[in-house]
PDB file of N, CA and C in Angstrom:
ATOM      1  N   MET A   1      -8.445 116.926  13.057  1.00  0.00           N
ATOM      2  CA  MET A   1      -7.236 117.029  12.265  1.00  0.00           C
ATOM      3  C   MET A   1      -7.497 116.490  10.864  1.00  0.00           C
ATOM      4  N   ASP A   2      -6.900 117.154   9.916  1.00  0.00           N
ATOM      5  CA  ASP A   2      -7.071 116.761   8.526  1.00  0.00           C
ATOM      6  C   ASP A   2      -5.853 115.960   8.081  1.00  0.00           C
ATOM      7  N   PHE A   3      -6.084 114.707   7.691  1.00  0.00           N
ATOM      8  CA  PHE A   3      -4.974 113.850   7.278  1.00  0.00           C
ATOM      9  C   PHE A   3      -4.956 113.603   5.780  1.00  0.00           C
ATOM     10  N   THR A   4      -5.443 114.529   5.021  1.00  0.00           N
ATOM     11  CA  THR A   4      -5.415 114.363   3.574  1.00  0.00           C
ATOM     12  C   THR A   4      -3.993 114.545   3.075  1.00  0.00           C
ATOM     13  N   PRO A   5      -3.587 113.730   2.147  1.00  0.00           N
ATOM     14  CA  PRO A   5      -2.218 113.853   1.633  1.00  0.00           C
ATOM     15  C   PRO A   5      -2.054 115.158   0.860  1.00  0.00           C
ATOM     16  N   PRO A   6      -0.826 115.669   0.823  1.00  0.00           N
ATOM     17  CA  PRO A   6      -0.591 116.894   0.050  1.00  0.00           C
ATOM     18  C   PRO A   6      -0.862 116.649  -1.425  1.00  0.00           C
ATOM     19  N   PRO A   7      -1.238 117.677  -2.147  1.00  0.00           N
ATOM     20  CA  PRO A   7      -1.519 117.476  -3.578  1.00  0.00           C
ATOM     21  C   PRO A   7      -0.271 117.019  -4.316  1.00  0.00           C
ATOM     22  N   ARG A   8      -0.456 116.034  -5.180  1.00  0.00           N
ATOM     23  CA  ARG A   8       0.659 115.525  -5.977  1.00  0.00           C
ATOM     24  C   ARG A   8       0.861 116.431  -7.181  1.00  0.00           C
ATOM     25  N   PRO A   9       2.117 116.688  -7.516  1.00  0.00           N
ATOM     26  CA  PRO A   9       2.331 117.485  -8.726  1.00  0.00           C
ATOM     27  C   PRO A   9       1.821 116.728  -9.943  1.00  0.00           C
ATOM     28  N   ASP A  10       1.293 117.446 -10.881  1.00  0.00           N
ATOM     29  CA  ASP A  10       0.766 116.844 -12.098  1.00  0.00           C
ATOM     30  C   ASP A  10       1.906 116.141 -12.824  1.00  0.00           C
ATOM     31  N   SER A  11       1.849 114.827 -12.882  1.00  0.00           N
ATOM     32  CA  SER A  11       2.952 114.070 -13.477  1.00  0.00           C
ATOM     33  C   SER A  11       3.123 114.395 -14.948  1.00  0.00           C
ATOM     34  N   ARG A  12       2.023 114.763 -15.611  1.00  0.00           N
ATOM     35  CA  ARG A  12       2.128 115.105 -17.022  1.00  0.00           C
ATOM     36  C   ARG A  12       2.929 116.387 -17.215  1.00  0.00           C
ATOM     37  N   SER A  13       2.670 117.401 -16.407  1.00  0.00           N
ATOM     38  CA  SER A  13       3.416 118.650 -16.536  1.00  0.00           C
ATOM     39  C   SER A  13       4.865 118.465 -16.097  1.00  0.00           C
ATOM     40  N   LYS A  14       5.105 117.613 -15.098  1.00  0.00           N
ATOM     41  CA  LYS A  14       6.476 117.330 -14.662  1.00  0.00           C
ATOM     42  C   LYS A  14       7.241 116.635 -15.780  1.00  0.00           C
ATOM     43  N   ARG A  15       6.591 115.705 -16.430  1.00  0.00           N
ATOM     44  CA  ARG A  15       7.231 114.984 -17.535  1.00  0.00           C
ATOM     45  C   ARG A  15       7.555 115.948 -18.680  1.00  0.00           C
ATOM     46  N   HIS A  16       6.632 116.844 -18.985  1.00  0.00           N
ATOM     47  CA  HIS A  16       6.863 117.843 -20.025  1.00  0.00           C
ATOM     48  C   HIS A  16       8.033 118.748 -19.660  1.00  0.00           C
ATOM     49  N   HIS A  17       8.067 119.194 -18.413  1.00  0.00           N
ATOM     50  CA  HIS A  17       9.143 120.057 -17.920  1.00  0.00           C
ATOM     51  C   HIS A  17      10.497 119.360 -18.083  1.00  0.00           C
ATOM     52  N   ASP A  18      10.561 118.088 -17.682  1.00  0.00           N
ATOM     53  CA  ASP A  18      11.808 117.321 -17.795  1.00  0.00           C
ATOM     54  C   ASP A  18      12.227 117.140 -19.250  1.00  0.00           C
ATOM     55  N   ARG A  19      11.263 116.913 -20.129  1.00  0.00           N
ATOM     56  CA  ARG A  19      11.586 116.718 -21.545  1.00  0.00           C
ATOM     57  C   ARG A  19      12.108 118.007 -22.175  1.00  0.00           C
ATOM     58  N   VAL A  20      11.549 119.149 -21.790  1.00  0.00           N
ATOM     59  CA  VAL A  20      12.034 120.420 -22.320  1.00  0.00           C
ATOM     60  C   VAL A  20      13.452 120.680 -21.823  1.00  0.00           C
ATOM     61  N   GLU A  21      13.740 120.362 -20.547  1.00  0.00           N
ATOM     62  CA  GLU A  21      15.099 120.529 -20.034  1.00  0.00           C
ATOM     63  C   GLU A  21      16.083 119.645 -20.798  1.00  0.00           C
ATOM     64  N   GLU A  22      15.685 118.418 -21.068  1.00  0.00           N
ATOM     65  CA  GLU A  22      16.550 117.519 -21.835  1.00  0.00           C
ATOM     66  C   GLU A  22      16.759 118.035 -23.250  1.00  0.00           C
ATOM     67  N   LEU A  23      15.705 118.531 -23.869  1.00  0.00           N
ATOM     68  CA  LEU A  23      15.810 119.103 -25.215  1.00  0.00           C
ATOM     69  C   LEU A  23      16.758 120.296 -25.225  1.00  0.00           C
ATOM     70  N   LEU A  24      16.655 121.156 -24.224  1.00  0.00           N
ATOM     71  CA  LEU A  24      17.548 122.313 -24.131  1.00  0.00           C
ATOM     72  C   LEU A  24      19.005 121.881 -24.026  1.00  0.00           C
ATOM     73  N   THR A  25      19.261 120.848 -23.239  1.00  0.00           N
ATOM     74  CA  THR A  25      20.634 120.358 -23.084  1.00  0.00           C
ATOM     75  C   THR A  25      21.180 119.866 -24.422  1.00  0.00           C
ATOM     76  N   HIS A  26      20.391 119.081 -25.145  1.00  0.00           N
ATOM     77  CA  HIS A  26      20.842 118.552 -26.438  1.00  0.00           C
ATOM     78  C   HIS A  26      21.022 119.667 -27.470  1.00  0.00           C
ATOM     79  N   LEU A  27      20.095 120.604 -27.514  1.00  0.00           N
ATOM     80  CA  LEU A  27      20.231 121.710 -28.467  1.00  0.00           C
ATOM     81  C   LEU A  27      21.440 122.576 -28.134  1.00  0.00           C
ATOM     82  N   ALA A  28      21.693 122.805 -26.846  1.00  0.00           N
ATOM     83  CA  ALA A  28      22.859 123.591 -26.451  1.00  0.00           C
ATOM     84  C   ALA A  28      24.145 122.884 -26.866  1.00  0.00           C
ATOM     85  N   ALA A  29      24.195 121.569 -26.689  1.00  0.00           N
ATOM     86  CA  ALA A  29      25.384 120.813 -27.089  1.00  0.00           C
ATOM     87  C   ALA A  29      25.605 120.920 -28.596  1.00  0.00           C
ATOM     88  N   ASP A  30      24.544 120.774 -29.379  1.00  0.00           N
ATOM     89  CA  ASP A  30      24.665 120.900 -30.836  1.00  0.00           C
ATOM     90  C   ASP A  30      25.108 122.306 -31.237  1.00  0.00           C
ATOM     91  N   PHE A  31      24.521 123.303 -30.607  1.00  0.00           N
ATOM     92  CA  PHE A  31      24.868 124.691 -30.913  1.00  0.00           C
ATOM     93  C   PHE A  31      26.338 124.970 -30.601  1.00  0.00           C
ATOM     94  N   ILE A  32      26.807 124.471 -29.467  1.00  0.00           N
ATOM     95  CA  ILE A  32      28.204 124.691 -29.065  1.00  0.00           C
ATOM     96  C   ILE A  32      29.152 124.054 -30.067  1.00  0.00           C
ATOM     97  N   VAL A  33      28.836 122.841 -30.504  1.00  0.00           N
ATOM     98  CA  VAL A  33      29.693 122.163 -31.485  1.00  0.00           C
ATOM     99  C   VAL A  33      29.754 122.960 -32.776  1.00  0.00           C
ATOM    100  N   ARG A  34      28.618 123.496 -33.208  1.00  0.00           N
ATOM    101  CA  ARG A  34      28.567 124.235 -34.475  1.00  0.00           C
ATOM    102  C   ARG A  34      29.242 125.601 -34.400  1.00  0.00           C
ATOM    103  N   GLU A  35      29.092 126.290 -33.281  1.00  0.00           N
ATOM    104  CA  GLU A  35      29.510 127.683 -33.211  1.00  0.00           C
ATOM    105  C   GLU A  35      30.872 127.931 -32.557  1.00  0.00           C
ATOM    106  N   SER A  36      31.352 127.016 -31.739  1.00  0.00           N
ATOM    107  CA  SER A  36      32.632 127.270 -31.065  1.00  0.00           C
ATOM    108  C   SER A  36      33.783 127.062 -32.030  1.00  0.00           C
ATOM    109  N   ASN A  37      34.892 127.698 -31.722  1.00  0.00           N
ATOM    110  CA  ASN A  37      36.047 127.616 -32.609  1.00  0.00           C
ATOM    111  C   ASN A  37      36.968 126.446 -32.290  1.00  0.00           C
ATOM    112  N   GLY A  38      36.670 125.692 -31.261  1.00  0.00           N
ATOM    113  CA  GLY A  38      37.440 124.496 -30.964  1.00  0.00           C
ATOM    114  C   GLY A  38      38.688 124.724 -30.139  1.00  0.00           C
ATOM    115  N   THR A  39      38.914 125.935 -29.651  1.00  0.00           N
ATOM    116  CA  THR A  39      40.106 126.172 -28.834  1.00  0.00           C
ATOM    117  C   THR A  39      39.954 125.597 -27.441  1.00  0.00           C
ATOM    118  N   SER A  40      38.713 125.347 -27.008  1.00  0.00           N
ATOM    119  CA  SER A  40      38.477 124.708 -25.716  1.00  0.00           C
ATOM    120  C   SER A  40      37.335 123.712 -25.874  1.00  0.00           C
ATOM    121  N   LEU A  41      37.293 122.761 -24.980  1.00  0.00           N
ATOM    122  CA  LEU A  41      36.239 121.757 -24.990  1.00  0.00           C
ATOM    123  C   LEU A  41      35.111 122.244 -24.081  1.00  0.00           C
ATOM    124  N   ILE A  42      33.969 122.540 -24.671  1.00  0.00           N
ATOM    125  CA  ILE A  42      32.815 123.019 -23.915  1.00  0.00           C
ATOM    126  C   ILE A  42      31.738 121.944 -24.012  1.00  0.00           C
ATOM    127  N   THR A  43      31.238 121.507 -22.855  1.00  0.00           N
ATOM    128  CA  THR A  43      30.234 120.454 -22.814  1.00  0.00           C
ATOM    129  C   THR A  43      29.011 120.938 -22.057  1.00  0.00           C
ATOM    130  N   ALA A  44      27.847 120.837 -22.666  1.00  0.00           N
ATOM    131  CA  ALA A  44      26.599 121.143 -21.972  1.00  0.00           C
ATOM    132  C   ALA A  44      26.235 119.921 -21.128  1.00  0.00           C
ATOM    133  N   THR A  45      26.151 120.099 -19.806  1.00  0.00           N
ATOM    134  CA  THR A  45      25.911 118.969 -18.916  1.00  0.00           C
ATOM    135  C   THR A  45      24.452 118.808 -18.532  1.00  0.00           C
ATOM    136  N   ARG A  46      23.741 119.920 -18.357  1.00  0.00           N
ATOM    137  CA  ARG A  46      22.329 119.855 -17.993  1.00  0.00           C
ATOM    138  C   ARG A  46      21.698 121.218 -18.183  1.00  0.00           C
ATOM    139  N   ALA A  47      20.385 121.269 -18.108  1.00  0.00           N
ATOM    140  CA  ALA A  47      19.657 122.530 -18.208  1.00  0.00           C
ATOM    141  C   ALA A  47      18.573 122.542 -17.145  1.00  0.00           C
ATOM    142  N   GLU A  48      18.289 123.717 -16.628  1.00  0.00           N
ATOM    143  CA  GLU A  48      17.202 123.898 -15.669  1.00  0.00           C
ATOM    144  C   GLU A  48      16.267 124.947 -16.220  1.00  0.00           C
ATOM    145  N   LEU A  49      15.017 124.586 -16.320  1.00  0.00           N
ATOM    146  CA  LEU A  49      13.989 125.477 -16.823  1.00  0.00           C
ATOM    147  C   LEU A  49      13.271 126.099 -15.645  1.00  0.00           C
ATOM    148  N   GLY A  50      13.012 127.403 -15.725  1.00  0.00           N
ATOM    149  CA  GLY A  50      12.270 128.075 -14.669  1.00  0.00           C
ATOM    150  C   GLY A  50      10.869 127.529 -14.564  1.00  0.00           C
ATOM    151  N   SER A  51      10.198 127.800 -13.462  1.00  0.00           N
ATOM    152  CA  SER A  51       8.883 127.221 -13.220  1.00  0.00           C
ATOM    153  C   SER A  51       7.852 127.647 -14.265  1.00  0.00           C
ATOM    154  N   LYS A  52       7.977 128.854 -14.788  1.00  0.00           N
ATOM    155  CA  LYS A  52       7.032 129.316 -15.798  1.00  0.00           C
ATOM    156  C   LYS A  52       7.535 129.078 -17.218  1.00  0.00           C
ATOM    157  N   GLY A  53       8.754 128.586 -17.358  1.00  0.00           N
ATOM    158  CA  GLY A  53       9.306 128.305 -18.668  1.00  0.00           C
ATOM    159  C   GLY A  53       9.827 129.520 -19.405  1.00  0.00           C
ATOM    160  N   GLU A  54       9.932 130.657 -18.719  1.00  0.00           N
ATOM    161  CA  GLU A  54      10.397 131.878 -19.371  1.00  0.00           C
ATOM    162  C   GLU A  54      11.914 131.992 -19.386  1.00  0.00           C
ATOM    163  N   ARG A  55      12.559 131.387 -18.420  1.00  0.00           N
ATOM    164  CA  ARG A  55      14.015 131.457 -18.313  1.00  0.00           C
ATOM    165  C   ARG A  55      14.581 130.052 -18.179  1.00  0.00           C
ATOM    166  N   ALA A  56      15.810 129.903 -18.671  1.00  0.00           N
ATOM    167  CA  ALA A  56      16.490 128.618 -18.556  1.00  0.00           C
ATOM    168  C   ALA A  56      17.963 128.872 -18.275  1.00  0.00           C
ATOM    169  N   THR A  57      18.555 127.960 -17.540  1.00  0.00           N
ATOM    170  CA  THR A  57      19.979 127.995 -17.265  1.00  0.00           C
ATOM    171  C   THR A  57      20.588 126.738 -17.834  1.00  0.00           C
ATOM    172  N   VAL A  58      21.600 126.904 -18.667  1.00  0.00           N
ATOM    173  CA  VAL A  58      22.309 125.766 -19.244  1.00  0.00           C
ATOM    174  C   VAL A  58      23.665 125.685 -18.546  1.00  0.00           C
ATOM    175  N   PHE A  59      23.930 124.552 -17.933  1.00  0.00           N
ATOM    176  CA  PHE A  59      25.181 124.342 -17.212  1.00  0.00           C
ATOM    177  C   PHE A  59      26.194 123.695 -18.154  1.00  0.00           C
ATOM    178  N   VAL A  60      27.417 124.215 -18.137  1.00  0.00           N
ATOM    179  CA  VAL A  60      28.466 123.719 -19.019  1.00  0.00           C
ATOM    180  C   VAL A  60      29.740 123.463 -18.229  1.00  0.00           C
ATOM    181  N   THR A  61      30.568 122.585 -18.773  1.00  0.00           N
ATOM    182  CA  THR A  61      31.926 122.417 -18.277  1.00  0.00           C
ATOM    183  C   THR A  61      32.872 122.850 -19.384  1.00  0.00           C
ATOM    184  N   VAL A  62      34.039 123.335 -18.979  1.00  0.00           N
ATOM    185  CA  VAL A  62      35.011 123.851 -19.943  1.00  0.00           C
ATOM    186  C   VAL A  62      36.378 123.263 -19.606  1.00  0.00           C
ATOM    187  N   PHE A  63      37.084 122.809 -20.644  1.00  0.00           N
ATOM    188  CA  PHE A  63      38.455 122.336 -20.501  1.00  0.00           C
ATOM    189  C   PHE A  63      39.293 122.996 -21.571  1.00  0.00           C
ATOM    190  N   PRO A  64      40.403 123.558 -21.271  1.00  0.00           N
ATOM    191  CA  PRO A  64      41.112 123.665 -19.993  1.00  0.00           C
ATOM    192  C   PRO A  64      40.508 124.755 -19.100  1.00  0.00           C
ATOM    193  N   ASP A  65      40.892 124.721 -17.840  1.00  0.00           N
ATOM    194  CA  ASP A  65      40.343 125.666 -16.862  1.00  0.00           C
ATOM    195  C   ASP A  65      40.648 127.119 -17.210  1.00  0.00           C
ATOM    196  N   GLU A  66      41.743 127.360 -17.909  1.00  0.00           N
ATOM    197  CA  GLU A  66      42.108 128.734 -18.269  1.00  0.00           C
ATOM    198  C   GLU A  66      41.105 129.365 -19.235  1.00  0.00           C
ATOM    199  N   ALA A  67      40.318 128.561 -19.911  1.00  0.00           N
ATOM    200  CA  ALA A  67      39.390 129.063 -20.925  1.00  0.00           C
ATOM    201  C   ALA A  67      37.969 129.251 -20.401  1.00  0.00           C
ATOM    202  N   ILE A  68      37.766 129.097 -19.112  1.00  0.00           N
ATOM    203  CA  ILE A  68      36.407 129.163 -18.556  1.00  0.00           C
ATOM    204  C   ILE A  68      35.768 130.518 -18.804  1.00  0.00           C
ATOM    205  N   THR A  69      36.446 131.597 -18.439  1.00  0.00           N
ATOM    206  CA  THR A  69      35.834 132.926 -18.587  1.00  0.00           C
ATOM    207  C   THR A  69      35.585 133.254 -20.051  1.00  0.00           C
ATOM    208  N   THR A  70      36.534 132.918 -20.910  1.00  0.00           N
ATOM    209  CA  THR A  70      36.370 133.188 -22.339  1.00  0.00           C
ATOM    210  C   THR A  70      35.188 132.407 -22.904  1.00  0.00           C
ATOM    211  N   ALA A  71      35.069 131.149 -22.522  1.00  0.00           N
ATOM    212  CA  ALA A  71      33.982 130.318 -23.033  1.00  0.00           C
ATOM    213  C   ALA A  71      32.623 130.815 -22.549  1.00  0.00           C
ATOM    214  N   LEU A  72      32.528 131.169 -21.274  1.00  0.00           N
ATOM    215  CA  LEU A  72      31.249 131.661 -20.751  1.00  0.00           C
ATOM    216  C   LEU A  72      30.875 133.000 -21.378  1.00  0.00           C
ATOM    217  N   GLU A  73      31.858 133.858 -21.603  1.00  0.00           N
ATOM    218  CA  GLU A  73      31.579 135.126 -22.290  1.00  0.00           C
ATOM    219  C   GLU A  73      31.074 134.865 -23.707  1.00  0.00           C
ATOM    220  N   PHE A  74      31.713 133.937 -24.404  1.00  0.00           N
ATOM    221  CA  PHE A  74      31.289 133.579 -25.765  1.00  0.00           C
ATOM    222  C   PHE A  74      29.856 133.070 -25.773  1.00  0.00           C
ATOM    223  N   LEU A  75      29.550 132.142 -24.856  1.00  0.00           N
ATOM    224  CA  LEU A  75      28.218 131.548 -24.840  1.00  0.00           C
ATOM    225  C   LEU A  75      27.138 132.572 -24.495  1.00  0.00           C
ATOM    226  N   ASN A  76      27.382 133.384 -23.491  1.00  0.00           N
ATOM    227  CA  ASN A  76      26.365 134.362 -23.095  1.00  0.00           C
ATOM    228  C   ASN A  76      26.230 135.486 -24.125  1.00  0.00           C
ATOM    229  N   ARG A  77      27.308 135.788 -24.821  1.00  0.00           N
ATOM    230  CA  ARG A  77      27.238 136.777 -25.894  1.00  0.00           C
ATOM    231  C   ARG A  77      26.384 136.252 -27.054  1.00  0.00           C
ATOM    232  N   ASN A  78      26.405 134.943 -27.258  1.00  0.00           N
ATOM    233  CA  ASN A  78      25.656 134.317 -28.346  1.00  0.00           C
ATOM    234  C   ASN A  78      24.351 133.681 -27.880  1.00  0.00           C
ATOM    235  N   ALA A  79      23.838 134.098 -26.729  1.00  0.00           N
ATOM    236  CA  ALA A  79      22.587 133.531 -26.208  1.00  0.00           C
ATOM    237  C   ALA A  79      21.421 133.809 -27.149  1.00  0.00           C
ATOM    238  N   ASP A  80      21.403 134.985 -27.776  1.00  0.00           N
ATOM    239  CA  ASP A  80      20.323 135.288 -28.721  1.00  0.00           C
ATOM    240  C   ASP A  80      20.418 134.407 -29.966  1.00  0.00           C
ATOM    241  N   ALA A  81      21.635 134.135 -30.417  1.00  0.00           N
ATOM    242  CA  ALA A  81      21.813 133.235 -31.560  1.00  0.00           C
ATOM    243  C   ALA A  81      21.364 131.827 -31.187  1.00  0.00           C
ATOM    244  N   PHE A  82      21.613 131.423 -29.950  1.00  0.00           N
ATOM    245  CA  PHE A  82      21.145 130.115 -29.494  1.00  0.00           C
ATOM    246  C   PHE A  82      19.623 130.081 -29.450  1.00  0.00           C
ATOM    247  N   ARG A  83      19.013 131.181 -29.079  1.00  0.00           N
ATOM    248  CA  ARG A  83      17.548 131.258 -29.051  1.00  0.00           C
ATOM    249  C   ARG A  83      16.984 131.078 -30.471  1.00  0.00           C
ATOM    250  N   GLU A  84      17.637 131.697 -31.447  1.00  0.00           N
ATOM    251  CA  GLU A  84      17.215 131.506 -32.843  1.00  0.00           C
ATOM    252  C   GLU A  84      17.411 130.054 -33.283  1.00  0.00           C
ATOM    253  N   TYR A  85      18.513 129.452 -32.833  1.00  0.00           N
ATOM    254  CA  TYR A  85      18.767 128.043 -33.137  1.00  0.00           C
ATOM    255  C   TYR A  85      17.664 127.171 -32.535  1.00  0.00           C
ATOM    256  N   MET A  86      17.238 127.502 -31.316  1.00  0.00           N
ATOM    257  CA  MET A  86      16.137 126.766 -30.694  1.00  0.00           C
ATOM    258  C   MET A  86      14.849 126.946 -31.487  1.00  0.00           C
ATOM    259  N   ARG A  87      14.611 128.158 -31.973  1.00  0.00           N
ATOM    260  CA  ARG A  87      13.398 128.443 -32.733  1.00  0.00           C
ATOM    261  C   ARG A  87      13.326 127.544 -33.986  1.00  0.00           C
ATOM    262  N   GLU A  88      14.487 127.296 -34.607  1.00  0.00           N
ATOM    263  CA  GLU A  88      14.527 126.479 -35.819  1.00  0.00           C
ATOM    264  C   GLU A  88      14.429 124.983 -35.538  1.00  0.00           C
ATOM    265  N   HIS A  89      14.929 124.546 -34.374  1.00  0.00           N
ATOM    266  CA  HIS A  89      15.062 123.110 -34.136  1.00  0.00           C
ATOM    267  C   HIS A  89      14.167 122.547 -33.034  1.00  0.00           C
ATOM    268  N   ALA A  90      13.460 123.391 -32.316  1.00  0.00           N
ATOM    269  CA  ALA A  90      12.606 122.894 -31.231  1.00  0.00           C
ATOM    270  C   ALA A  90      11.150 123.204 -31.538  1.00  0.00           C
ATOM    271  N   ARG A  91      10.307 122.287 -31.186  1.00  0.00           N
ATOM    272  CA  ARG A  91       8.877 122.513 -31.367  1.00  0.00           C
ATOM    273  C   ARG A  91       8.249 122.800 -30.001  1.00  0.00           C
ATOM    274  N   THR A  92       8.511 123.970 -29.488  1.00  0.00           N
ATOM    275  CA  THR A  92       7.935 124.377 -28.216  1.00  0.00           C
ATOM    276  C   THR A  92       7.139 125.658 -28.428  1.00  0.00           C
ATOM    277  N   ARG A  93       6.171 125.865 -27.555  1.00  0.00           N
ATOM    278  CA  ARG A  93       5.335 127.061 -27.679  1.00  0.00           C
ATOM    279  C   ARG A  93       6.128 128.323 -27.397  1.00  0.00           C
ATOM    280  N   GLU A  94       6.801 128.337 -26.264  1.00  0.00           N
ATOM    281  CA  GLU A  94       7.556 129.519 -25.865  1.00  0.00           C
ATOM    282  C   GLU A  94       9.032 129.174 -25.778  1.00  0.00           C
ATOM    283  N   LEU A  95       9.855 130.105 -26.180  1.00  0.00           N
ATOM    284  CA  LEU A  95      11.290 129.917 -26.074  1.00  0.00           C
ATOM    285  C   LEU A  95      11.800 130.682 -24.856  1.00  0.00           C
ATOM    286  N   PRO A  96      12.509 130.003 -23.966  1.00  0.00           N
ATOM    287  CA  PRO A  96      12.996 130.694 -22.778  1.00  0.00           C
ATOM    288  C   PRO A  96      14.221 131.548 -23.075  1.00  0.00           C
ATOM    289  N   ARG A  97      14.442 132.537 -22.249  1.00  0.00           N
ATOM    290  CA  ARG A  97      15.698 133.287 -22.263  1.00  0.00           C
ATOM    291  C   ARG A  97      16.736 132.404 -21.597  1.00  0.00           C
ATOM    292  N   VAL A  98      17.905 132.275 -22.207  1.00  0.00           N
ATOM    293  CA  VAL A  98      18.897 131.318 -21.743  1.00  0.00           C
ATOM    294  C   VAL A  98      20.124 132.038 -21.194  1.00  0.00           C
ATOM    295  N   GLN A  99      20.621 131.494 -20.101  1.00  0.00           N
ATOM    296  CA  GLN A  99      21.878 131.958 -19.516  1.00  0.00           C
ATOM    297  C   GLN A  99      22.775 130.733 -19.366  1.00  0.00           C
ATOM    298  N   PHE A 100      24.034 130.879 -19.726  1.00  0.00           N
ATOM    299  CA  PHE A 100      25.006 129.796 -19.595  1.00  0.00           C
ATOM    300  C   PHE A 100      25.838 130.037 -18.349  1.00  0.00           C
ATOM    301  N   VAL A 101      26.012 128.993 -17.529  1.00  0.00           N
ATOM    302  CA  VAL A 101      26.828 129.085 -16.313  1.00  0.00           C
ATOM    303  C   VAL A 101      27.702 127.849 -16.194  1.00  0.00           C
ATOM    304  N   LEU A 102      28.758 127.983 -15.422  1.00  0.00           N
ATOM    305  CA  LEU A 102      29.673 126.872 -15.187  1.00  0.00           C
ATOM    306  C   LEU A 102      29.022 125.877 -14.239  1.00  0.00           C
ATOM    307  N   ASP A 103      29.129 124.601 -14.539  1.00  0.00           N
ATOM    308  CA  ASP A 103      28.547 123.549 -13.705  1.00  0.00           C
ATOM    309  C   ASP A 103      29.538 123.192 -12.606  1.00  0.00           C
ATOM    310  N   ALA A 104      29.403 123.863 -11.460  1.00  0.00           N
ATOM    311  CA  ALA A 104      30.311 123.633 -10.337  1.00  0.00           C
ATOM    312  C   ALA A 104      30.116 122.237  -9.754  1.00  0.00           C
ATOM    313  N   GLY A 105      28.915 121.708  -9.797  1.00  0.00           N
ATOM    314  CA  GLY A 105      28.657 120.365  -9.281  1.00  0.00           C
ATOM    315  C   GLY A 105      29.441 119.310 -10.034  1.00  0.00           C
ATOM    316  N   GLU A 106      29.530 119.454 -11.340  1.00  0.00           N
ATOM    317  CA  GLU A 106      30.302 118.503 -12.141  1.00  0.00           C
ATOM    318  C   GLU A 106      31.793 118.619 -11.826  1.00  0.00           C
ATOM    319  N   ARG A 107      32.264 119.829 -11.639  1.00  0.00           N
ATOM    320  CA  ARG A 107      33.683 120.020 -11.287  1.00  0.00           C
ATOM    321  C   ARG A 107      33.983 119.378  -9.934  1.00  0.00           C
ATOM    322  N   ASN A 108      33.071 119.526  -8.975  1.00  0.00           N
ATOM    323  CA  ASN A 108      33.262 118.906  -7.658  1.00  0.00           C
ATOM    324  C   ASN A 108      33.254 117.391  -7.765  1.00  0.00           C
ATOM    325  N   ARG A 109      32.383 116.839  -8.602  1.00  0.00           N
ATOM    326  CA  ARG A 109      32.340 115.395  -8.779  1.00  0.00           C
ATOM    327  C   ARG A 109      33.657 114.874  -9.357  1.00  0.00           C
ATOM    328  N   GLN A 110      34.195 115.602 -10.342  1.00  0.00           N
ATOM    329  CA  GLN A 110      35.467 115.194 -10.937  1.00  0.00           C
ATOM    330  C   GLN A 110      36.588 115.245  -9.911  1.00  0.00           C
ATOM    331  N   HIS A 111      36.564 116.262  -9.067  1.00  0.00           N
ATOM    332  CA  HIS A 111      37.591 116.380  -8.021  1.00  0.00           C
ATOM    333  C   HIS A 111      37.482 115.211  -7.036  1.00  0.00           C
ATOM    334  N   LEU A 112      36.266 114.837  -6.657  1.00  0.00           N
ATOM    335  CA  LEU A 112      36.082 113.704  -5.763  1.00  0.00           C
ATOM    336  C   LEU A 112      36.542 112.410  -6.406  1.00  0.00           C
ATOM    337  N   ASP A 113      36.324 112.253  -7.711  1.00  0.00           N
ATOM    338  CA  ASP A 113      36.812 111.070  -8.422  1.00  0.00           C
ATOM    339  C   ASP A 113      38.330 110.996  -8.364  1.00  0.00           C
ATOM    340  N   GLU A 114      38.991 112.125  -8.541  1.00  0.00           N
ATOM    341  CA  GLU A 114      40.459 112.152  -8.476  1.00  0.00           C
ATOM    342  C   GLU A 114      40.943 111.792  -7.085  1.00  0.00           C
ATOM    343  N   LEU A 115      40.285 112.315  -6.057  1.00  0.00           N
ATOM    344  CA  LEU A 115      40.660 112.000  -4.685  1.00  0.00           C
ATOM    345  C   LEU A 115      40.441 110.513  -4.393  1.00  0.00           C
ATOM    346  N   GLY A 116      39.365 109.943  -4.930  1.00  0.00           N
ATOM    347  CA  GLY A 116      39.086 108.528  -4.729  1.00  0.00           C
ATOM    348  C   GLY A 116      40.128 107.634  -5.376  1.00  0.00           C
ATOM    349  N   LYS A 117      40.657 108.061  -6.511  1.00  0.00           N
ATOM    350  CA  LYS A 117      41.695 107.282  -7.180  1.00  0.00           C
ATOM    351  C   LYS A 117      43.006 107.312  -6.419  1.00  0.00           C
ATOM    352  N   GLN A 118      43.257 108.383  -5.665  1.00  0.00           N
ATOM    353  CA  GLN A 118      44.497 108.499  -4.911  1.00  0.00           C
ATOM    354  C   GLN A 118      44.520 107.628  -3.668  1.00  0.00           C
ATOM    355  N   LEU A 119      43.343 107.222  -3.206  1.00  0.00           N
ATOM    356  CA  LEU A 119      43.275 106.393  -1.981  1.00  0.00           C
ATOM    357  C   LEU A 119      43.628 104.985  -2.226  1.00  0.00           C
TER     358      LEU A 119
END
């Protein structure tokens, strides 16, 4: 039997991956502040970069709830403009294609917080 431990992921590449995700989140937040019209509060909560770095998903929350579809349509319609914004402000080799989605996990956390306050 072979008891060799499984290969450890390269910590350097993992660190780079995490830093790019953090950079994407900050750039998305800046872009949203600059480009949105202020009718709703849109917050970039996190970003997930694909394994090859070609695609990225930026998770956002929107307040009020009635503006969710409008905000997501606005963000995804302006994904190419966000890519240009990344090109100007990020020093990365490749720019991923970005998709904006609603952060359901954050909404669930907020709901649990409200339930906890009621107890």
